[in-house]
């Protein structure tokens, strides 16, 4: 008796952010903002981080809100790829 096992991929991280650069070919830079508490002063602060993501069709433009997902290393700094464009810039 052979059972067919469906091997699922591991849980991949997702981030939602705004495109700040689309100059490079098939690459976008997104900025993700999150809120966290300062360890000593307990004040809520905003922390921004930039991620480089793969955009195969060059469809994301500056100002778009996008969702990216973790993937295999595509270059020295690219470890994310574009999953969907949530909203276009006005």
PDB file of N, CA and C in Angstrom:
ATOM      1  N   UNK A   1       0.828  -1.176   0.000  1.00  0.00           N
ATOM      2  CA  UNK A   1       0.000   0.000   0.000  1.00  0.00           C
ATOM      3  C   UNK A   1       0.876   1.244   0.000  1.00  0.00           C
ATOM      4  N   UNK A   2       0.739   2.070  -0.977  1.00  0.00           N
ATOM      5  CA  UNK A   2       1.516   3.307  -0.991  1.00  0.00           C
ATOM      6  C   UNK A   2       0.579   4.486  -0.753  1.00  0.00           C
ATOM      7  N   UNK A   3       0.989   5.316   0.133  1.00  0.00           N
ATOM      8  CA  UNK A   3       0.189   6.508   0.405  1.00  0.00           C
ATOM      9  C   UNK A   3       0.870   7.702  -0.236  1.00  0.00           C
ATOM     10  N   UNK A   4       0.069   8.525  -0.815  1.00  0.00           N
ATOM     11  CA  UNK A   4       0.608   9.720  -1.458  1.00  0.00           C
ATOM     12  C   UNK A   4       0.674  10.830  -0.415  1.00  0.00           C
ATOM     13  N   UNK A   5       1.872  11.286  -0.159  1.00  0.00           N
ATOM     14  CA  UNK A   5       2.054  12.356   0.808  1.00  0.00           C
ATOM     15  C   UNK A   5       2.255  13.659   0.060  1.00  0.00           C
ATOM     16  N   UNK A   6       1.529  14.658   0.488  1.00  0.00           N
ATOM     17  CA  UNK A   6       1.742  15.980  -0.095  1.00  0.00           C
ATOM     18  C   UNK A   6       2.650  16.748   0.833  1.00  0.00           C
ATOM     19  N   UNK A   7       3.829  17.024   0.342  1.00  0.00           N
ATOM     20  CA  UNK A   7       4.800  17.739   1.157  1.00  0.00           C
ATOM     21  C   UNK A   7       4.549  19.233   0.999  1.00  0.00           C
ATOM     22  N   UNK A   8       4.169  19.868   2.094  1.00  0.00           N
ATOM     23  CA  UNK A   8       3.908  21.294   2.066  1.00  0.00           C
ATOM     24  C   UNK A   8       5.192  22.054   2.334  1.00  0.00           C
ATOM     25  N   UNK A   9       5.269  23.223   1.736  1.00  0.00           N
ATOM     26  CA  UNK A   9       6.421  24.079   2.010  1.00  0.00           C
ATOM     27  C   UNK A   9       6.297  24.629   3.418  1.00  0.00           C
ATOM     28  N   UNK A  10       7.424  25.011   3.974  1.00  0.00           N
ATOM     29  CA  UNK A  10       7.412  25.572   5.322  1.00  0.00           C
ATOM     30  C   UNK A  10       6.660  26.893   5.367  1.00  0.00           C
ATOM     31  N   UNK A  11       6.407  27.359   6.549  1.00  0.00           N
ATOM     32  CA  UNK A  11       5.721  28.633   6.690  1.00  0.00           C
ATOM     33  C   UNK A  11       6.652  29.748   6.246  1.00  0.00           C
ATOM     34  N   UNK A  12       6.246  30.457   5.187  1.00  0.00           N
ATOM     35  CA  UNK A  12       7.061  31.537   4.670  1.00  0.00           C
ATOM     36  C   UNK A  12       6.584  32.855   5.238  1.00  0.00           C
ATOM     37  N   UNK A  13       7.518  33.689   5.596  1.00  0.00           N
ATOM     38  CA  UNK A  13       7.173  34.986   6.160  1.00  0.00           C
ATOM     39  C   UNK A  13       6.608  35.893   5.073  1.00  0.00           C
ATOM     40  N   UNK A  14       5.667  36.732   5.444  1.00  0.00           N
ATOM     41  CA  UNK A  14       5.101  37.720   4.532  1.00  0.00           C
ATOM     42  C   UNK A  14       5.252  39.090   5.152  1.00  0.00           C
ATOM     43  N   UNK A  15       5.495  40.073   4.317  1.00  0.00           N
ATOM     44  CA  UNK A  15       5.598  41.454   4.773  1.00  0.00           C
ATOM     45  C   UNK A  15       4.762  42.325   3.832  1.00  0.00           C
ATOM     46  N   UNK A  16       4.177  43.369   4.390  1.00  0.00           N
ATOM     47  CA  UNK A  16       3.427  44.336   3.598  1.00  0.00           C
ATOM     48  C   UNK A  16       4.116  45.678   3.748  1.00  0.00           C
ATOM     49  N   UNK A  17       4.371  46.347   2.604  1.00  0.00           N
ATOM     50  CA  UNK A  17       5.075  47.617   2.656  1.00  0.00           C
ATOM     51  C   UNK A  17       4.814  48.452   1.426  1.00  0.00           C
ATOM     52  N   UNK A  18       5.495  49.579   1.357  1.00  0.00           N
ATOM     53  CA  UNK A  18       5.337  50.529   0.266  1.00  0.00           C
ATOM     54  C   UNK A  18       6.603  50.515  -0.583  1.00  0.00           C
ATOM     55  N   UNK A  19       6.436  50.514  -1.903  1.00  0.00           N
ATOM     56  CA  UNK A  19       7.572  50.516  -2.825  1.00  0.00           C
ATOM     57  C   UNK A  19       8.225  51.894  -2.786  1.00  0.00           C
ATOM     58  N   UNK A  20       9.535  51.932  -2.504  1.00  0.00           N
ATOM     59  CA  UNK A  20      10.267  53.198  -2.473  1.00  0.00           C
ATOM     60  C   UNK A  20      11.229  53.332  -3.645  1.00  0.00           C
ATOM     61  N   UNK A  21      11.493  52.229  -4.359  1.00  0.00           N
ATOM     62  CA  UNK A  21      12.374  52.285  -5.522  1.00  0.00           C
ATOM     63  C   UNK A  21      12.012  51.166  -6.488  1.00  0.00           C
ATOM     64  N   UNK A  22      11.945  51.524  -7.790  1.00  0.00           N
ATOM     65  CA  UNK A  22      11.705  50.521  -8.833  1.00  0.00           C
ATOM     66  C   UNK A  22      12.655  50.727 -10.007  1.00  0.00           C
ATOM     67  N   UNK A  23      13.811  51.331  -9.738  1.00  0.00           N
ATOM     68  CA  UNK A  23      14.769  51.676 -10.787  1.00  0.00           C
ATOM     69  C   UNK A  23      15.433  50.447 -11.392  1.00  0.00           C
ATOM     70  N   UNK A  24      15.776  49.472 -10.556  1.00  0.00           N
ATOM     71  CA  UNK A  24      16.487  48.295 -11.036  1.00  0.00           C
ATOM     72  C   UNK A  24      15.561  47.377 -11.832  1.00  0.00           C
ATOM     73  N   UNK A  25      16.140  46.606 -12.750  1.00  0.00           N
ATOM     74  CA  UNK A  25      15.365  45.685 -13.567  1.00  0.00           C
ATOM     75  C   UNK A  25      14.958  44.471 -12.738  1.00  0.00           C
ATOM     76  N   UNK A  26      13.658  44.174 -12.702  1.00  0.00           N
ATOM     77  CA  UNK A  26      13.075  43.028 -11.992  1.00  0.00           C
ATOM     78  C   UNK A  26      13.320  43.071 -10.484  1.00  0.00           C
ATOM     79  N   UNK A  27      13.567  44.256  -9.940  1.00  0.00           N
ATOM     80  CA  UNK A  27      13.825  44.397  -8.514  1.00  0.00           C
ATOM     81  C   UNK A  27      13.094  45.625  -7.985  1.00  0.00           C
ATOM     82  N   UNK A  28      12.490  45.477  -6.812  1.00  0.00           N
ATOM     83  CA  UNK A  28      11.889  46.620  -6.132  1.00  0.00           C
ATOM     84  C   UNK A  28      12.446  46.675  -4.715  1.00  0.00           C
ATOM     85  N   UNK A  29      12.428  47.862  -4.140  1.00  0.00           N
ATOM     86  CA  UNK A  29      12.812  48.040  -2.746  1.00  0.00           C
ATOM     87  C   UNK A  29      11.561  48.499  -2.023  1.00  0.00           C
ATOM     88  N   UNK A  30      11.179  47.758  -0.969  1.00  0.00           N
ATOM     89  CA  UNK A  30       9.998  48.149  -0.214  1.00  0.00           C
ATOM     90  C   UNK A  30      10.404  48.546   1.198  1.00  0.00           C
ATOM     91  N   UNK A  31       9.612  49.435   1.781  1.00  0.00           N
ATOM     92  CA  UNK A  31       9.854  49.879   3.147  1.00  0.00           C
ATOM     93  C   UNK A  31       8.706  49.396   4.018  1.00  0.00           C
ATOM     94  N   UNK A  32       9.052  48.626   5.039  1.00  0.00           N
ATOM     95  CA  UNK A  32       8.065  48.071   5.956  1.00  0.00           C
ATOM     96  C   UNK A  32       8.168  48.835   7.275  1.00  0.00           C
ATOM     97  N   UNK A  33       7.036  49.368   7.728  1.00  0.00           N
ATOM     98  CA  UNK A  33       6.990  50.101   8.987  1.00  0.00           C
ATOM     99  C   UNK A  33       6.264  49.262  10.018  1.00  0.00           C
ATOM    100  N   UNK A  34       6.867  49.134  11.200  1.00  0.00           N
ATOM    101  CA  UNK A  34       6.196  48.419  12.281  1.00  0.00           C
ATOM    102  C   UNK A  34       6.313  49.244  13.550  1.00  0.00           C
ATOM    103  N   UNK A  35       5.412  48.991  14.475  1.00  0.00           N
ATOM    104  CA  UNK A  35       5.409  49.700  15.750  1.00  0.00           C
ATOM    105  C   UNK A  35       5.924  48.762  16.831  1.00  0.00           C
ATOM    106  N   UNK A  36       6.810  49.281  17.664  1.00  0.00           N
ATOM    107  CA  UNK A  36       7.366  48.484  18.742  1.00  0.00           C
ATOM    108  C   UNK A  36       7.573  49.369  19.972  1.00  0.00           C
ATOM    109  N   UNK A  37       7.790  48.756  21.095  1.00  0.00           N
ATOM    110  CA  UNK A  37       8.009  49.486  22.331  1.00  0.00           C
ATOM    111  C   UNK A  37       9.503  49.603  22.615  1.00  0.00           C
ATOM    112  N   UNK A  38       9.932  50.786  22.983  1.00  0.00           N
ATOM    113  CA  UNK A  38      11.327  50.994  23.332  1.00  0.00           C
ATOM    114  C   UNK A  38      11.648  50.174  24.586  1.00  0.00           C
ATOM    115  N   UNK A  39      12.767  49.440  24.588  1.00  0.00           N
ATOM    116  CA  UNK A  39      13.042  48.533  25.701  1.00  0.00           C
ATOM    117  C   UNK A  39      13.197  49.225  27.060  1.00  0.00           C
ATOM    118  N   UNK A  40      13.766  50.404  27.076  1.00  0.00           N
ATOM    119  CA  UNK A  40      13.987  51.072  28.357  1.00  0.00           C
ATOM    120  C   UNK A  40      12.876  52.070  28.691  1.00  0.00           C
ATOM    121  N   UNK A  41      12.503  52.915  27.712  1.00  0.00           N
ATOM    122  CA  UNK A  41      11.590  54.012  28.000  1.00  0.00           C
ATOM    123  C   UNK A  41      10.127  53.672  27.769  1.00  0.00           C
ATOM    124  N   UNK A  42       9.849  52.498  27.212  1.00  0.00           N
ATOM    125  CA  UNK A  42       8.489  51.984  27.026  1.00  0.00           C
ATOM    126  C   UNK A  42       7.609  52.846  26.123  1.00  0.00           C
ATOM    127  N   UNK A  43       8.225  53.718  25.348  1.00  0.00           N
ATOM    128  CA  UNK A  43       7.464  54.539  24.411  1.00  0.00           C
ATOM    129  C   UNK A  43       7.270  53.751  23.119  1.00  0.00           C
ATOM    130  N   UNK A  44       6.087  53.860  22.518  1.00  0.00           N
ATOM    131  CA  UNK A  44       5.816  53.192  21.252  1.00  0.00           C
ATOM    132  C   UNK A  44       6.476  54.001  20.141  1.00  0.00           C
ATOM    133  N   UNK A  45       7.344  53.331  19.373  1.00  0.00           N
ATOM    134  CA  UNK A  45       8.067  54.007  18.295  1.00  0.00           C
ATOM    135  C   UNK A  45       7.842  53.257  16.984  1.00  0.00           C
ATOM    136  N   UNK A  46       8.020  53.975  15.875  1.00  0.00           N
ATOM    137  CA  UNK A  46       7.937  53.357  14.559  1.00  0.00           C
ATOM    138  C   UNK A  46       9.332  52.946  14.122  1.00  0.00           C
ATOM    139  N   UNK A  47       9.442  51.737  13.603  1.00  0.00           N
ATOM    140  CA  UNK A  47      10.714  51.228  13.101  1.00  0.00           C
ATOM    141  C   UNK A  47      10.524  50.905  11.623  1.00  0.00           C
ATOM    142  N   UNK A  48      11.402  51.436  10.779  1.00  0.00           N
ATOM    143  CA  UNK A  48      11.315  51.189   9.342  1.00  0.00           C
ATOM    144  C   UNK A  48      12.470  50.299   8.912  1.00  0.00           C
ATOM    145  N   UNK A  49      12.184  49.399   7.971  1.00  0.00           N
ATOM    146  CA  UNK A  49      13.218  48.537   7.427  1.00  0.00           C
ATOM    147  C   UNK A  49      12.965  48.362   5.940  1.00  0.00           C
ATOM    148  N   UNK A  50      14.042  48.324   5.155  1.00  0.00           N
ATOM    149  CA  UNK A  50      13.922  48.163   3.706  1.00  0.00           C
ATOM    150  C   UNK A  50      14.265  46.733   3.314  1.00  0.00           C
ATOM    151  N   UNK A  51      13.472  46.193   2.394  1.00  0.00           N
ATOM    152  CA  UNK A  51      13.696  44.864   1.850  1.00  0.00           C
ATOM    153  C   UNK A  51      13.805  44.966   0.336  1.00  0.00           C
ATOM    154  N   UNK A  52      14.683  44.175  -0.256  1.00  0.00           N
ATOM    155  CA  UNK A  52      14.819  44.094  -1.702  1.00  0.00           C
ATOM    156  C   UNK A  52      14.072  42.861  -2.171  1.00  0.00           C
ATOM    157  N   UNK A  53      13.160  43.047  -3.137  1.00  0.00           N
ATOM    158  CA  UNK A  53      12.302  41.949  -3.576  1.00  0.00           C
ATOM    159  C   UNK A  53      12.361  41.784  -5.090  1.00  0.00           C
ATOM    160  N   UNK A  54      12.096  40.563  -5.536  1.00  0.00           N
ATOM    161  CA  UNK A  54      12.099  40.219  -6.957  1.00  0.00           C
ATOM    162  C   UNK A  54      10.724  40.506  -7.556  1.00  0.00           C
ATOM    163  N   UNK A  55      10.694  41.247  -8.652  1.00  0.00           N
ATOM    164  CA  UNK A  55       9.459  41.601  -9.359  1.00  0.00           C
ATOM    165  C   UNK A  55       9.639  41.190 -10.820  1.00  0.00           C
ATOM    166  N   UNK A  56       9.208  39.998 -11.168  1.00  0.00           N
ATOM    167  CA  UNK A  56       9.488  39.407 -12.482  1.00  0.00           C
ATOM    168  C   UNK A  56       8.957  40.242 -13.644  1.00  0.00           C
ATOM    169  N   UNK A  57       7.739  40.770 -13.541  1.00  0.00           N
ATOM    170  CA  UNK A  57       7.144  41.516 -14.650  1.00  0.00           C
ATOM    171  C   UNK A  57       7.333  43.031 -14.563  1.00  0.00           C
ATOM    172  N   UNK A  58       8.086  43.507 -13.611  1.00  0.00           N
ATOM    173  CA  UNK A  58       8.275  44.952 -13.408  1.00  0.00           C
ATOM    174  C   UNK A  58       6.948  45.684 -13.321  1.00  0.00           C
ATOM    175  N   UNK A  59       6.001  45.133 -12.554  1.00  0.00           N
ATOM    176  CA  UNK A  59       4.667  45.726 -12.504  1.00  0.00           C
ATOM    177  C   UNK A  59       4.457  46.668 -11.328  1.00  0.00           C
ATOM    178  N   UNK A  60       5.254  46.593 -10.282  1.00  0.00           N
ATOM    179  CA  UNK A  60       5.100  47.476  -9.127  1.00  0.00           C
ATOM    180  C   UNK A  60       5.811  48.800  -9.395  1.00  0.00           C
ATOM    181  N   UNK A  61       5.170  49.890  -8.996  1.00  0.00           N
ATOM    182  CA  UNK A  61       5.727  51.228  -9.183  1.00  0.00           C
ATOM    183  C   UNK A  61       5.879  51.904  -7.822  1.00  0.00           C
ATOM    184  N   UNK A  62       6.608  53.009  -7.805  1.00  0.00           N
ATOM    185  CA  UNK A  62       6.842  53.740  -6.552  1.00  0.00           C
ATOM    186  C   UNK A  62       5.516  54.186  -5.952  1.00  0.00           C
ATOM    187  N   UNK A  63       5.348  53.946  -4.662  1.00  0.00           N
ATOM    188  CA  UNK A  63       4.140  54.345  -3.957  1.00  0.00           C
ATOM    189  C   UNK A  63       3.106  53.251  -3.828  1.00  0.00           C
ATOM    190  N   UNK A  64       3.260  52.146  -4.569  1.00  0.00           N
ATOM    191  CA  UNK A  64       2.322  51.031  -4.469  1.00  0.00           C
ATOM    192  C   UNK A  64       2.485  50.313  -3.135  1.00  0.00           C
ATOM    193  N   UNK A  65       1.370  49.847  -2.603  1.00  0.00           N
ATOM    194  CA  UNK A  65       1.413  49.004  -1.410  1.00  0.00           C
ATOM    195  C   UNK A  65       1.415  47.559  -1.881  1.00  0.00           C
ATOM    196  N   UNK A  66       2.420  46.795  -1.451  1.00  0.00           N
ATOM    197  CA  UNK A  66       2.601  45.433  -1.954  1.00  0.00           C
ATOM    198  C   UNK A  66       2.789  44.444  -0.810  1.00  0.00           C
ATOM    199  N   UNK A  67       2.581  43.170  -1.137  1.00  0.00           N
ATOM    200  CA  UNK A  67       2.858  42.085  -0.196  1.00  0.00           C
ATOM    201  C   UNK A  67       3.968  41.246  -0.811  1.00  0.00           C
ATOM    202  N   UNK A  68       5.014  40.967  -0.011  1.00  0.00           N
ATOM    203  CA  UNK A  68       6.121  40.139  -0.472  1.00  0.00           C
ATOM    204  C   UNK A  68       6.214  38.915   0.412  1.00  0.00           C
ATOM    205  N   UNK A  69       6.807  37.863  -0.139  1.00  0.00           N
ATOM    206  CA  UNK A  69       6.940  36.606   0.587  1.00  0.00           C
ATOM    207  C   UNK A  69       8.391  36.159   0.533  1.00  0.00           C
ATOM    208  N   UNK A  70       8.826  35.506   1.587  1.00  0.00           N
ATOM    209  CA  UNK A  70      10.192  35.007   1.690  1.00  0.00           C
ATOM    210  C   UNK A  70      10.429  33.925   0.636  1.00  0.00           C
ATOM    211  N   UNK A  71      11.624  33.888   0.071  1.00  0.00           N
ATOM    212  CA  UNK A  71      11.951  32.904  -0.960  1.00  0.00           C
ATOM    213  C   UNK A  71      13.437  32.576  -0.900  1.00  0.00           C
ATOM    214  N   UNK A  72      13.874  31.747  -1.824  1.00  0.00           N
ATOM    215  CA  UNK A  72      15.289  31.377  -1.866  1.00  0.00           C
ATOM    216  C   UNK A  72      16.130  32.612  -2.223  1.00  0.00           C
ATOM    217  N   UNK A  73      17.409  32.611  -1.897  1.00  0.00           N
ATOM    218  CA  UNK A  73      18.256  33.745  -2.264  1.00  0.00           C
ATOM    219  C   UNK A  73      18.348  33.901  -3.776  1.00  0.00           C
ATOM    220  N   UNK A  74      17.991  35.093  -4.270  1.00  0.00           N
ATOM    221  CA  UNK A  74      18.033  35.355  -5.709  1.00  0.00           C
ATOM    222  C   UNK A  74      19.296  36.124  -6.097  1.00  0.00           C
ATOM    223  N   UNK A  75      19.880  36.810  -5.149  1.00  0.00           N
ATOM    224  CA  UNK A  75      21.134  37.521  -5.370  1.00  0.00           C
ATOM    225  C   UNK A  75      21.766  37.767  -4.007  1.00  0.00           C
ATOM    226  N   UNK A  76      22.734  38.645  -3.960  1.00  0.00           N
ATOM    227  CA  UNK A  76      23.429  38.909  -2.699  1.00  0.00           C
ATOM    228  C   UNK A  76      22.480  39.454  -1.633  1.00  0.00           C
ATOM    229  N   UNK A  77      21.521  40.280  -2.030  1.00  0.00           N
ATOM    230  CA  UNK A  77      20.629  40.901  -1.043  1.00  0.00           C
ATOM    231  C   UNK A  77      19.156  40.545  -1.228  1.00  0.00           C
ATOM    232  N   UNK A  78      18.769  39.944  -2.348  1.00  0.00           N
ATOM    233  CA  UNK A  78      17.356  39.634  -2.598  1.00  0.00           C
ATOM    234  C   UNK A  78      16.969  38.283  -2.018  1.00  0.00           C
ATOM    235  N   UNK A  79      16.065  38.312  -1.019  1.00  0.00           N
ATOM    236  CA  UNK A  79      15.539  37.081  -0.420  1.00  0.00           C
ATOM    237  C   UNK A  79      14.019  37.102  -0.356  1.00  0.00           C
ATOM    238  N   UNK A  80      13.389  38.026  -1.066  1.00  0.00           N
ATOM    239  CA  UNK A  80      11.934  38.190  -1.069  1.00  0.00           C
ATOM    240  C   UNK A  80      11.459  38.273  -2.505  1.00  0.00           C
ATOM    241  N   UNK A  81      10.192  37.921  -2.742  1.00  0.00           N
ATOM    242  CA  UNK A  81       9.622  38.103  -4.075  1.00  0.00           C
ATOM    243  C   UNK A  81       8.212  38.661  -3.944  1.00  0.00           C
ATOM    244  N   UNK A  82       7.816  39.385  -4.975  1.00  0.00           N
ATOM    245  CA  UNK A  82       6.515  40.047  -4.986  1.00  0.00           C
ATOM    246  C   UNK A  82       5.409  39.008  -5.055  1.00  0.00           C
ATOM    247  N   UNK A  83       4.458  39.088  -4.130  1.00  0.00           N
ATOM    248  CA  UNK A  83       3.318  38.191  -4.107  1.00  0.00           C
ATOM    249  C   UNK A  83       2.112  38.834  -4.766  1.00  0.00           C
ATOM    250  N   UNK A  84       1.798  40.074  -4.367  1.00  0.00           N
ATOM    251  CA  UNK A  84       0.671  40.785  -4.975  1.00  0.00           C
ATOM    252  C   UNK A  84       0.805  42.275  -4.713  1.00  0.00           C
ATOM    253  N   UNK A  85       0.131  43.044  -5.572  1.00  0.00           N
ATOM    254  CA  UNK A  85       0.028  44.481  -5.385  1.00  0.00           C
ATOM    255  C   UNK A  85      -1.317  44.727  -4.726  1.00  0.00           C
ATOM    256  N   UNK A  86      -1.300  45.270  -3.506  1.00  0.00           N
ATOM    257  CA  UNK A  86      -2.530  45.498  -2.764  1.00  0.00           C
ATOM    258  C   UNK A  86      -3.259  46.731  -3.279  1.00  0.00           C
ATOM    259  N   UNK A  87      -2.521  47.830  -3.448  1.00  0.00           N
ATOM    260  CA  UNK A  87      -3.134  49.042  -3.984  1.00  0.00           C
ATOM    261  C   UNK A  87      -2.086  49.832  -4.768  1.00  0.00           C
ATOM    262  N   UNK A  88      -2.554  50.503  -5.798  1.00  0.00           N
ATOM    263  CA  UNK A  88      -1.668  51.312  -6.640  1.00  0.00           C
ATOM    264  C   UNK A  88      -1.568  52.716  -6.082  1.00  0.00           C
ATOM    265  N   UNK A  89      -0.447  53.391  -6.376  1.00  0.00           N
ATOM    266  CA  UNK A  89      -0.244  54.767  -5.929  1.00  0.00           C
ATOM    267  C   UNK A  89      -1.199  55.684  -6.688  1.00  0.00           C
ATOM    268  N   UNK A  90      -1.564  56.758  -6.030  1.00  0.00           N
ATOM    269  CA  UNK A  90      -2.476  57.715  -6.674  1.00  0.00           C
ATOM    270  C   UNK A  90      -1.733  58.763  -7.432  1.00  0.00           C
TER     271      UNK A  90
END
